[in-house]
């Protein structure tokens, strides 16, 4: 993988870890995006590309 892909993979890995650890508090898009240092729009697009579902669907 290229460096950018590795960075994106690590960000999504961190987001998934954060979501699964904090699922009871139902973290919002903005909260998770802030945690991985991305804008909510960019985070949602990137997450959907890598995970195949939106962050909201993943949380459900």
Protein backbone atom coordinates (compact mmCIF):
# COMPACT_ATOMS: atom_id res chain seq x y z
CA UNK A 1 0.00 0.00 0.00
CA UNK A 2 1.00 3.57 -0.58
CA UNK A 3 1.68 5.85 2.38
CA UNK A 4 -1.64 7.70 1.93
CA UNK A 5 -3.56 4.40 1.89
CA UNK A 6 -1.77 3.26 5.05
CA UNK A 7 -2.63 6.55 6.76
CA UNK A 8 -6.28 6.23 5.72
CA UNK A 9 -6.39 2.60 6.85
CA UNK A 10 -4.97 3.57 10.25
CA UNK A 11 -7.50 6.39 10.62
CA UNK A 12 -10.43 4.09 9.84
CA UNK A 13 -9.01 1.44 12.17
CA UNK A 14 -8.84 4.07 14.94
CA UNK A 15 -12.40 5.24 14.16
CA UNK A 16 -13.79 1.70 14.28
CA UNK A 17 -12.01 1.08 17.56
CA UNK A 18 -13.41 4.33 18.99
CA UNK A 19 -16.94 3.55 17.79
CA UNK A 20 -16.92 0.01 19.18
CA UNK A 21 -15.45 1.11 22.50
CA UNK A 22 -17.97 3.95 22.91
CA UNK A 23 -21.04 2.48 21.19
CA UNK A 24 -23.21 2.83 24.30
CA UNK A 25 -22.84 6.62 24.20
CA UNK A 26 -23.67 6.66 20.46
CA UNK A 27 -20.82 8.98 19.34
CA UNK A 28 -21.84 11.32 16.55
CA UNK A 29 -20.15 11.85 13.23
CA UNK A 30 -18.50 15.07 14.41
CA UNK A 31 -17.12 13.44 17.56
CA UNK A 32 -15.53 10.51 15.73
CA UNK A 33 -14.22 12.75 12.93
CA UNK A 34 -12.60 15.03 15.49
CA UNK A 35 -11.00 12.03 17.20
CA UNK A 36 -9.19 11.07 13.98
CA UNK A 37 -8.49 14.67 12.90
CA UNK A 38 -10.73 14.86 9.83
CA UNK A 39 -13.70 16.98 8.84
CA UNK A 40 -17.03 15.18 9.29
CA UNK A 41 -17.61 15.19 5.52
CA UNK A 42 -14.22 13.72 4.70
CA UNK A 43 -14.47 11.17 7.51
CA UNK A 44 -17.88 9.94 6.34
CA UNK A 45 -16.70 9.60 2.75
CA UNK A 46 -13.48 7.85 3.74
CA UNK A 47 -15.21 5.52 6.22
CA UNK A 48 -17.83 4.50 3.67
CA UNK A 49 -15.12 3.80 1.08
CA UNK A 50 -13.11 1.61 3.46
CA UNK A 51 -15.84 -0.06 5.53
CA UNK A 52 -18.51 -0.37 2.85
CA UNK A 53 -21.16 1.22 5.07
CA UNK A 54 -21.67 4.66 6.53
CA UNK A 55 -20.49 5.35 10.08
CA UNK A 56 -24.14 5.58 11.19
CA UNK A 57 -24.98 2.15 9.73
CA UNK A 58 -21.86 0.70 11.32
CA UNK A 59 -22.87 2.09 14.70
CA UNK A 60 -26.34 0.57 14.39
